[in-house]
Amino acid sequence: MITFIAHVTVRPENVAAYAALMTHVRDMTRANEPGVAYYDFGKSADELDVYFVIEVYRDAAAHAAHMQTPWVMESIPQSRRLVEGGFDIKQYVSPGTAPAVRRMKES
């Protein structure tokens, strides 16, 4: 399994738009991508403007396919406009799993 955990700061005036965008991406991912084991987002309990996205892929091919879907390709430039300071993305892999090639830079 390959897991990405991203943290972003969302400006208060963009919270509703960010939540709607990420809900769309989550729902499309869950409905159409069997190679994605888990995909969701949420809000920090401690930092009111910080959100996280957790993505778990069965393998690198599933991650590559995800990044080529229309909903992801459309969402990246939209989310860049809604967040402040870019994306803090960390990748984790299960033992014996090769990392995925990064398809999106943190900032």
C-alpha atoms as a PDB file:
ATOM      1  CA  MET A   1       0.000   0.000   0.000  1.00  0.00           C
ATOM      2  CA  ILE A   2       1.067   3.552  -0.695  1.00  0.00           C
ATOM      3  CA  THR A   3      -0.300   6.304   1.509  1.00  0.00           C
ATOM      4  CA  PHE A   4      -0.178  10.046   1.009  1.00  0.00           C
ATOM      5  CA  ILE A   5      -1.114  12.433   3.791  1.00  0.00           C
ATOM      6  CA  ALA A   6      -1.408  16.069   2.805  1.00  0.00           C
ATOM      7  CA  HIS A   7      -1.948  19.072   5.049  1.00  0.00           C
ATOM      8  CA  VAL A   8      -3.182  22.394   3.707  1.00  0.00           C
ATOM      9  CA  THR A   9      -4.198  25.705   5.178  1.00  0.00           C
ATOM     10  CA  VAL A  10      -7.508  26.921   3.779  1.00  0.00           C
ATOM     11  CA  ARG A  11      -8.313  30.599   3.959  1.00  0.00           C
ATOM     12  CA  PRO A  12     -11.582  31.152   5.881  1.00  0.00           C
ATOM     13  CA  GLU A  13     -13.361  32.651   2.879  1.00  0.00           C
ATOM     14  CA  ASN A  14     -12.538  29.488   0.872  1.00  0.00           C
ATOM     15  CA  VAL A  15     -13.656  26.818   3.343  1.00  0.00           C
ATOM     16  CA  ALA A  16     -17.017  26.083   1.685  1.00  0.00           C
ATOM     17  CA  ALA A  17     -15.501  25.913  -1.797  1.00  0.00           C
ATOM     18  CA  TYR A  18     -12.645  23.683  -0.600  1.00  0.00           C
ATOM     19  CA  ALA A  19     -15.024  21.308   1.182  1.00  0.00           C
ATOM     20  CA  ALA A  20     -17.262  21.089  -1.912  1.00  0.00           C
ATOM     21  CA  LEU A  21     -14.269  20.437  -4.182  1.00  0.00           C
ATOM     22  CA  MET A  22     -12.812  17.740  -1.942  1.00  0.00           C
ATOM     23  CA  THR A  23     -16.210  16.101  -1.446  1.00  0.00           C
ATOM     24  CA  HIS A  24     -16.524  15.834  -5.229  1.00  0.00           C
ATOM     25  CA  VAL A  25     -13.019  14.367  -5.610  1.00  0.00           C
ATOM     26  CA  ARG A  26     -13.588  11.921  -2.748  1.00  0.00           C
ATOM     27  CA  ASP A  27     -16.943  10.750  -4.090  1.00  0.00           C
ATOM     28  CA  MET A  28     -15.667  10.331  -7.673  1.00  0.00           C
ATOM     29  CA  THR A  29     -12.572   8.511  -6.444  1.00  0.00           C
ATOM     30  CA  ARG A  30     -14.547   6.103  -4.287  1.00  0.00           C
ATOM     31  CA  ALA A  31     -17.077   5.402  -7.045  1.00  0.00           C
ATOM     32  CA  ASN A  32     -14.653   4.938  -9.925  1.00  0.00           C
ATOM     33  CA  GLU A  33     -11.231   3.833  -8.719  1.00  0.00           C
ATOM     34  CA  PRO A  34     -10.964   0.263  -7.403  1.00  0.00           C
ATOM     35  CA  GLY A  35      -7.192   0.712  -6.963  1.00  0.00           C
ATOM     36  CA  VAL A  36      -7.785   3.297  -4.242  1.00  0.00           C
ATOM     37  CA  ALA A  37      -8.203   1.564  -0.888  1.00  0.00           C
ATOM     38  CA  TYR A  38      -9.100   4.726   1.041  1.00  0.00           C
ATOM     39  CA  TYR A  39      -9.630   8.397   0.194  1.00  0.00           C
ATOM     40  CA  ASP A  40     -10.988  11.081   2.519  1.00  0.00           C
ATOM     41  CA  PHE A  41     -10.367  14.526   3.908  1.00  0.00           C
ATOM     42  CA  GLY A  42     -11.043  16.276   7.179  1.00  0.00           C
ATOM     43  CA  LYS A  43     -10.343  19.265   9.357  1.00  0.00           C
ATOM     44  CA  SER A  44      -7.874  19.613  12.209  1.00  0.00           C
ATOM     45  CA  ALA A  45      -9.427  19.657  15.653  1.00  0.00           C
ATOM     46  CA  ASP A  46      -6.659  21.951  16.906  1.00  0.00           C
ATOM     47  CA  GLU A  47      -5.953  24.309  13.998  1.00  0.00           C
ATOM     48  CA  LEU A  48      -9.204  25.629  12.551  1.00  0.00           C
ATOM     49  CA  ASP A  49      -7.789  26.506   9.132  1.00  0.00           C
ATOM     50  CA  VAL A  50      -5.830  23.260   8.595  1.00  0.00           C
ATOM     51  CA  TYR A  51      -7.277  20.390   6.572  1.00  0.00           C
ATOM     52  CA  PHE A  52      -5.847  16.993   5.697  1.00  0.00           C
ATOM     53  CA  VAL A  53      -6.307  14.553   2.841  1.00  0.00           C
ATOM     54  CA  ILE A  54      -5.501  10.859   3.268  1.00  0.00           C
ATOM     55  CA  GLU A  55      -5.069   8.760   0.118  1.00  0.00           C
ATOM     56  CA  VAL A  56      -4.253   5.042   0.201  1.00  0.00           C
ATOM     57  CA  TYR A  57      -3.419   3.267  -3.067  1.00  0.00           C
ATOM     58  CA  ARG A  58      -3.028  -0.461  -3.627  1.00  0.00           C
ATOM     59  CA  ASP A  59       0.074   0.188  -5.776  1.00  0.00           C
ATOM     60  CA  ALA A  60       1.935   2.814  -7.806  1.00  0.00           C
ATOM     61  CA  ALA A  61      -0.189   2.105 -10.888  1.00  0.00           C
ATOM     62  CA  ALA A  62      -3.358   2.994  -8.952  1.00  0.00           C
ATOM     63  CA  HIS A  63      -1.789   6.294  -7.876  1.00  0.00           C
ATOM     64  CA  ALA A  64      -0.705   7.082 -11.445  1.00  0.00           C
ATOM     65  CA  ALA A  65      -4.215   6.305 -12.726  1.00  0.00           C
ATOM     66  CA  HIS A  66      -5.786   8.477 -10.014  1.00  0.00           C
ATOM     67  CA  MET A  67      -3.669  11.457 -10.997  1.00  0.00           C
ATOM     68  CA  GLN A  68      -4.903  11.162 -14.604  1.00  0.00           C
ATOM     69  CA  THR A  69      -8.622  11.179 -13.795  1.00  0.00           C
ATOM     70  CA  PRO A  70     -10.571  14.238 -14.942  1.00  0.00           C
ATOM     71  CA  TRP A  71     -11.720  15.055 -11.396  1.00  0.00           C
ATOM     72  CA  VAL A  72      -8.168  15.128 -10.056  1.00  0.00           C
ATOM     73  CA  MET A  73      -6.708  17.004 -13.024  1.00  0.00           C
ATOM     74  CA  GLU A  74      -9.441  19.640 -12.697  1.00  0.00           C
ATOM     75  CA  SER A  75      -9.222  19.839  -8.899  1.00  0.00           C
ATOM     76  CA  ILE A  76      -5.499  20.556  -8.554  1.00  0.00           C
ATOM     77  CA  PRO A  77      -5.503  24.084 -10.028  1.00  0.00           C
ATOM     78  CA  GLN A  78      -8.764  24.839  -8.217  1.00  0.00           C
ATOM     79  CA  SER A  79      -7.392  23.715  -4.863  1.00  0.00           C
ATOM     80  CA  ARG A  80      -4.179  25.703  -5.388  1.00  0.00           C
ATOM     81  CA  ARG A  81      -6.331  28.854  -5.520  1.00  0.00           C
ATOM     82  CA  LEU A  82      -8.145  27.924  -2.311  1.00  0.00           C
ATOM     83  CA  VAL A  83      -5.206  27.049  -0.065  1.00  0.00           C
ATOM     84  CA  GLU A  84      -2.568  29.230   1.485  1.00  0.00           C
ATOM     85  CA  GLY A  85       1.094  28.251   1.346  1.00  0.00           C
ATOM     86  CA  GLY A  86       0.828  25.183  -0.864  1.00  0.00           C
ATOM     87  CA  PHE A  87       0.588  21.513   0.033  1.00  0.00           C
ATOM     88  CA  ASP A  88       2.568  19.670   2.707  1.00  0.00           C
ATOM     89  CA  ILE A  89       2.532  16.100   1.348  1.00  0.00           C
ATOM     90  CA  LYS A  90       4.184  13.069   2.921  1.00  0.00           C
ATOM     91  CA  GLN A  91       4.329   9.603   1.348  1.00  0.00           C
ATOM     92  CA  TYR A  92       4.377   6.364   3.338  1.00  0.00           C
ATOM     93  CA  VAL A  93       4.754   2.831   1.978  1.00  0.00           C
ATOM     94  CA  SER A  94       4.060  -0.610   3.402  1.00  0.00           C
ATOM     95  CA  PRO A  95       7.149  -2.793   3.815  1.00  0.00           C
ATOM     96  CA  GLY A  96       8.203  -4.197   0.448  1.00  0.00           C
ATOM     97  CA  THR A  97       6.292  -1.554  -1.514  1.00  0.00           C
ATOM     98  CA  ALA A  98       8.150   0.809  -3.820  1.00  0.00           C
ATOM     99  CA  PRO A  99       7.217   4.498  -3.488  1.00  0.00           C
ATOM    100  CA  ALA A 100       5.003   6.101  -6.101  1.00  0.00           C
ATOM    101  CA  VAL A 101       6.463   8.682  -8.422  1.00  0.00           C
ATOM    102  CA  ARG A 102       5.262  12.069  -7.233  1.00  0.00           C
ATOM    103  CA  ARG A 103       2.785  13.490  -9.704  1.00  0.00           C
ATOM    104  CA  MET A 104       2.162  16.747  -7.826  1.00  0.00           C
ATOM    105  CA  LYS A 105       4.637  18.990  -6.124  1.00  0.00           C
ATOM    106  CA  GLU A 106       3.915  20.126  -2.569  1.00  0.00           C
ATOM    107  CA  SER A 107       3.677  23.813  -3.426  1.00  0.00           C
END
